């Protein structure tokens, strides 16, 4: 098993998490809104600021 540098491992992980989040949000946008009417925007903003 090859050893990866920490920056490369973290960068790859962030890329995978970002792609997964984008796919999830795209799927969520394609479905009708829930009865609660909550928006994922505050959570998306908090996650972006936290990264």
PDB file of N, CA and C in Angstrom:
ATOM      1  N   UNK A   1       0.853  -1.175   0.000  1.00  0.00           N
ATOM      2  CA  UNK A   1       0.000   0.000   0.000  1.00  0.00           C
ATOM      3  C   UNK A   1       0.898   1.237   0.000  1.00  0.00           C
ATOM      4  N   UNK A   2       0.723   2.115  -0.986  1.00  0.00           N
ATOM      5  CA  UNK A   2       1.590   3.295  -1.054  1.00  0.00           C
ATOM      6  C   UNK A   2       1.247   4.308   0.034  1.00  0.00           C
ATOM      7  N   UNK A   3       2.260   4.976   0.505  1.00  0.00           N
ATOM      8  CA  UNK A   3       2.052   6.022   1.504  1.00  0.00           C
ATOM      9  C   UNK A   3       1.824   7.348   0.791  1.00  0.00           C
ATOM     10  N   UNK A   4       0.812   8.069   1.213  1.00  0.00           N
ATOM     11  CA  UNK A   4       0.492   9.350   0.598  1.00  0.00           C
ATOM     12  C   UNK A   4       0.876  10.477   1.546  1.00  0.00           C
ATOM     13  N   UNK A   5       1.251  11.600   0.974  1.00  0.00           N
ATOM     14  CA  UNK A   5       1.513  12.769   1.787  1.00  0.00           C
ATOM     15  C   UNK A   5       0.199  13.290   2.347  1.00  0.00           C
ATOM     16  N   UNK A   6       0.280  13.907   3.487  1.00  0.00           N
ATOM     17  CA  UNK A   6      -0.922  14.379   4.162  1.00  0.00           C
ATOM     18  C   UNK A   6      -1.713  15.358   3.293  1.00  0.00           C
ATOM     19  N   UNK A   7      -1.046  16.307   2.656  1.00  0.00           N
ATOM     20  CA  UNK A   7      -1.762  17.287   1.835  1.00  0.00           C
ATOM     21  C   UNK A   7      -2.491  16.617   0.680  1.00  0.00           C
ATOM     22  N   UNK A   8      -1.863  15.639   0.056  1.00  0.00           N
ATOM     23  CA  UNK A   8      -2.508  14.945  -1.060  1.00  0.00           C
ATOM     24  C   UNK A   8      -3.722  14.156  -0.571  1.00  0.00           C
ATOM     25  N   UNK A   9      -3.589  13.525   0.591  1.00  0.00           N
ATOM     26  CA  UNK A   9      -4.699  12.746   1.137  1.00  0.00           C
ATOM     27  C   UNK A   9      -5.864  13.658   1.519  1.00  0.00           C
ATOM     28  N   UNK A  10      -5.577  14.784   2.156  1.00  0.00           N
ATOM     29  CA  UNK A  10      -6.625  15.718   2.553  1.00  0.00           C
ATOM     30  C   UNK A  10      -7.281  16.330   1.324  1.00  0.00           C
ATOM     31  N   UNK A  11      -6.482  16.705   0.337  1.00  0.00           N
ATOM     32  CA  UNK A  11      -7.029  17.280  -0.892  1.00  0.00           C
ATOM     33  C   UNK A  11      -7.940  16.308  -1.619  1.00  0.00           C
ATOM     34  N   UNK A  12      -7.527  15.056  -1.685  1.00  0.00           N
ATOM     35  CA  UNK A  12      -8.350  14.033  -2.336  1.00  0.00           C
ATOM     36  C   UNK A  12      -9.646  13.825  -1.578  1.00  0.00           C
ATOM     37  N   UNK A  13      -9.553  13.792  -0.258  1.00  0.00           N
ATOM     38  CA  UNK A  13     -10.744  13.617   0.566  1.00  0.00           C
ATOM     39  C   UNK A  13     -11.719  14.764   0.368  1.00  0.00           C
ATOM     40  N   UNK A  14     -11.216  15.991   0.355  1.00  0.00           N
ATOM     41  CA  UNK A  14     -12.083  17.152   0.147  1.00  0.00           C
ATOM     42  C   UNK A  14     -12.731  17.116  -1.229  1.00  0.00           C
ATOM     43  N   UNK A  15     -11.994  16.663  -2.218  1.00  0.00           N
ATOM     44  CA  UNK A  15     -12.543  16.557  -3.568  1.00  0.00           C
ATOM     45  C   UNK A  15     -13.701  15.558  -3.599  1.00  0.00           C
ATOM     46  N   UNK A  16     -13.519  14.426  -2.958  1.00  0.00           N
ATOM     47  CA  UNK A  16     -14.569  13.397  -2.928  1.00  0.00           C
ATOM     48  C   UNK A  16     -15.790  13.898  -2.163  1.00  0.00           C
ATOM     49  N   UNK A  17     -15.584  14.545  -1.030  1.00  0.00           N
ATOM     50  CA  UNK A  17     -16.702  15.072  -0.242  1.00  0.00           C
ATOM     51  C   UNK A  17     -17.442  16.144  -1.034  1.00  0.00           C
ATOM     52  N   UNK A  18     -16.707  17.018  -1.719  1.00  0.00           N
ATOM     53  CA  UNK A  18     -17.338  18.064  -2.522  1.00  0.00           C
ATOM     54  C   UNK A  18     -18.164  17.478  -3.660  1.00  0.00           C
ATOM     55  N   UNK A  19     -17.622  16.475  -4.341  1.00  0.00           N
ATOM     56  CA  UNK A  19     -18.354  15.841  -5.439  1.00  0.00           C
ATOM     57  C   UNK A  19     -19.619  15.160  -4.921  1.00  0.00           C
ATOM     58  N   UNK A  20     -19.507  14.508  -3.773  1.00  0.00           N
ATOM     59  CA  UNK A  20     -20.664  13.842  -3.188  1.00  0.00           C
ATOM     60  C   UNK A  20     -21.723  14.857  -2.778  1.00  0.00           C
ATOM     61  N   UNK A  21     -21.304  15.970  -2.206  1.00  0.00           N
ATOM     62  CA  UNK A  21     -22.246  17.012  -1.798  1.00  0.00           C
ATOM     63  C   UNK A  21     -22.941  17.626  -3.008  1.00  0.00           C
ATOM     64  N   UNK A  22     -22.171  17.876  -4.070  1.00  0.00           N
ATOM     65  CA  UNK A  22     -22.753  18.435  -5.288  1.00  0.00           C
ATOM     66  C   UNK A  22     -23.788  17.484  -5.884  1.00  0.00           C
ATOM     67  N   UNK A  23     -23.464  16.207  -5.919  1.00  0.00           N
ATOM     68  CA  UNK A  23     -24.416  15.219  -6.443  1.00  0.00           C
ATOM     69  C   UNK A  23     -25.678  15.169  -5.587  1.00  0.00           C
ATOM     70  N   UNK A  24     -25.511  15.246  -4.289  1.00  0.00           N
ATOM     71  CA  UNK A  24     -26.654  15.223  -3.384  1.00  0.00           C
ATOM     72  C   UNK A  24     -27.533  16.451  -3.560  1.00  0.00           C
ATOM     73  N   UNK A  25     -26.914  17.618  -3.643  1.00  0.00           N
ATOM     74  CA  UNK A  25     -27.691  18.843  -3.819  1.00  0.00           C
ATOM     75  C   UNK A  25     -28.384  18.876  -5.175  1.00  0.00           C
ATOM     76  N   UNK A  26     -27.728  18.356  -6.198  1.00  0.00           N
ATOM     77  CA  UNK A  26     -28.343  18.304  -7.527  1.00  0.00           C
ATOM     78  C   UNK A  26     -29.571  17.409  -7.499  1.00  0.00           C
ATOM     79  N   UNK A  27     -29.448  16.275  -6.826  1.00  0.00           N
ATOM     80  CA  UNK A  27     -30.580  15.351  -6.718  1.00  0.00           C
ATOM     81  C   UNK A  27     -31.688  15.985  -5.896  1.00  0.00           C
ATOM     82  N   UNK A  28     -31.308  16.676  -4.846  1.00  0.00           N
ATOM     83  CA  UNK A  28     -32.311  17.327  -3.995  1.00  0.00           C
ATOM     84  C   UNK A  28     -33.054  18.408  -4.766  1.00  0.00           C
ATOM     85  N   UNK A  29     -32.346  19.153  -5.607  1.00  0.00           N
ATOM     86  CA  UNK A  29     -32.987  20.197  -6.395  1.00  0.00           C
ATOM     87  C   UNK A  29     -33.949  19.628  -7.431  1.00  0.00           C
ATOM     88  N   UNK A  30     -33.726  18.389  -7.835  1.00  0.00           N
ATOM     89  CA  UNK A  30     -34.567  17.773  -8.848  1.00  0.00           C
ATOM     90  C   UNK A  30     -35.859  17.210  -8.257  1.00  0.00           C
ATOM     91  N   UNK A  31     -35.928  17.119  -6.940  1.00  0.00           N
ATOM     92  CA  UNK A  31     -37.120  16.581  -6.293  1.00  0.00           C
ATOM     93  C   UNK A  31     -37.968  17.721  -5.752  1.00  0.00           C
ATOM     94  N   UNK A  32     -39.259  17.487  -5.593  1.00  0.00           N
ATOM     95  CA  UNK A  32     -40.105  18.554  -5.049  1.00  0.00           C
ATOM     96  C   UNK A  32     -39.708  18.861  -3.599  1.00  0.00           C
ATOM     97  N   UNK A  33     -39.899  20.101  -3.171  1.00  0.00           N
ATOM     98  CA  UNK A  33     -39.516  20.457  -1.805  1.00  0.00           C
ATOM     99  C   UNK A  33     -40.340  19.698  -0.771  1.00  0.00           C
ATOM    100  N   UNK A  34     -39.747  19.478   0.376  1.00  0.00           N
ATOM    101  CA  UNK A  34     -40.437  18.807   1.467  1.00  0.00           C
ATOM    102  C   UNK A  34     -41.508  19.738   2.034  1.00  0.00           C
ATOM    103  N   UNK A  35     -42.396  19.180   2.796  1.00  0.00           N
ATOM    104  CA  UNK A  35     -43.485  19.979   3.344  1.00  0.00           C
ATOM    105  C   UNK A  35     -42.987  21.017   4.343  1.00  0.00           C
ATOM    106  N   UNK A  36     -41.781  20.815   4.912  1.00  0.00           N
ATOM    107  CA  UNK A  36     -41.253  21.786   5.870  1.00  0.00           C
ATOM    108  C   UNK A  36     -40.747  23.036   5.173  1.00  0.00           C
ATOM    109  N   UNK A  37     -40.353  22.931   3.905  1.00  0.00           N
ATOM    110  CA  UNK A  37     -39.896  24.080   3.146  1.00  0.00           C
ATOM    111  C   UNK A  37     -38.511  24.561   3.541  1.00  0.00           C
ATOM    112  N   UNK A  38     -37.761  23.755   4.245  1.00  0.00           N
ATOM    113  CA  UNK A  38     -36.418  24.157   4.658  1.00  0.00           C
ATOM    114  C   UNK A  38     -35.466  24.125   3.475  1.00  0.00           C
ATOM    115  N   UNK A  39     -34.550  25.052   3.485  1.00  0.00           N
ATOM    116  CA  UNK A  39     -33.565  25.160   2.418  1.00  0.00           C
ATOM    117  C   UNK A  39     -32.216  24.613   2.891  1.00  0.00           C
ATOM    118  N   UNK A  40     -31.459  23.947   2.014  1.00  0.00           N
ATOM    119  CA  UNK A  40     -30.138  23.458   2.402  1.00  0.00           C
ATOM    120  C   UNK A  40     -29.073  24.559   2.370  1.00  0.00           C
ATOM    121  N   UNK A  41     -29.453  25.771   1.946  1.00  0.00           N
ATOM    122  CA  UNK A  41     -28.475  26.856   1.795  1.00  0.00           C
ATOM    123  C   UNK A  41     -27.712  27.187   3.083  1.00  0.00           C
ATOM    124  N   UNK A  42     -28.351  27.295   4.251  1.00  0.00           N
ATOM    125  CA  UNK A  42     -27.578  27.605   5.458  1.00  0.00           C
ATOM    126  C   UNK A  42     -26.541  26.527   5.791  1.00  0.00           C
ATOM    127  N   UNK A  43     -26.906  25.285   5.579  1.00  0.00           N
ATOM    128  CA  UNK A  43     -25.990  24.189   5.865  1.00  0.00           C
ATOM    129  C   UNK A  43     -24.848  24.161   4.851  1.00  0.00           C
ATOM    130  N   UNK A  44     -25.178  24.454   3.598  1.00  0.00           N
ATOM    131  CA  UNK A  44     -24.147  24.508   2.564  1.00  0.00           C
ATOM    132  C   UNK A  44     -23.159  25.642   2.860  1.00  0.00           C
ATOM    133  N   UNK A  45     -23.677  26.788   3.252  1.00  0.00           N
ATOM    134  CA  UNK A  45     -22.826  27.922   3.590  1.00  0.00           C
ATOM    135  C   UNK A  45     -21.939  27.629   4.787  1.00  0.00           C
ATOM    136  N   UNK A  46     -22.507  26.996   5.819  1.00  0.00           N
ATOM    137  CA  UNK A  46     -21.728  26.670   7.017  1.00  0.00           C
ATOM    138  C   UNK A  46     -20.622  25.665   6.679  1.00  0.00           C
ATOM    139  N   UNK A  47     -20.944  24.684   5.847  1.00  0.00           N
ATOM    140  CA  UNK A  47     -19.943  23.687   5.459  1.00  0.00           C
ATOM    141  C   UNK A  47     -18.840  24.323   4.637  1.00  0.00           C
ATOM    142  N   UNK A  48     -19.200  25.260   3.765  1.00  0.00           N
ATOM    143  CA  UNK A  48     -18.193  25.941   2.952  1.00  0.00           C
ATOM    144  C   UNK A  48     -17.282  26.796   3.818  1.00  0.00           C
ATOM    145  N   UNK A  49     -17.841  27.508   4.766  1.00  0.00           N
ATOM    146  CA  UNK A  49     -17.030  28.336   5.655  1.00  0.00           C
ATOM    147  C   UNK A  49     -16.166  27.483   6.576  1.00  0.00           C
ATOM    148  N   UNK A  50     -16.671  26.322   6.967  1.00  0.00           N
ATOM    149  CA  UNK A  50     -15.917  25.430   7.841  1.00  0.00           C
ATOM    150  C   UNK A  50     -14.760  24.752   7.159  1.00  0.00           C
ATOM    151  N   UNK A  51     -14.835  24.640   5.835  1.00  0.00           N
ATOM    152  CA  UNK A  51     -13.754  23.981   5.094  1.00  0.00           C
ATOM    153  C   UNK A  51     -12.671  24.961   4.909  1.00  0.00           C
TER     154      UNK A  51
END
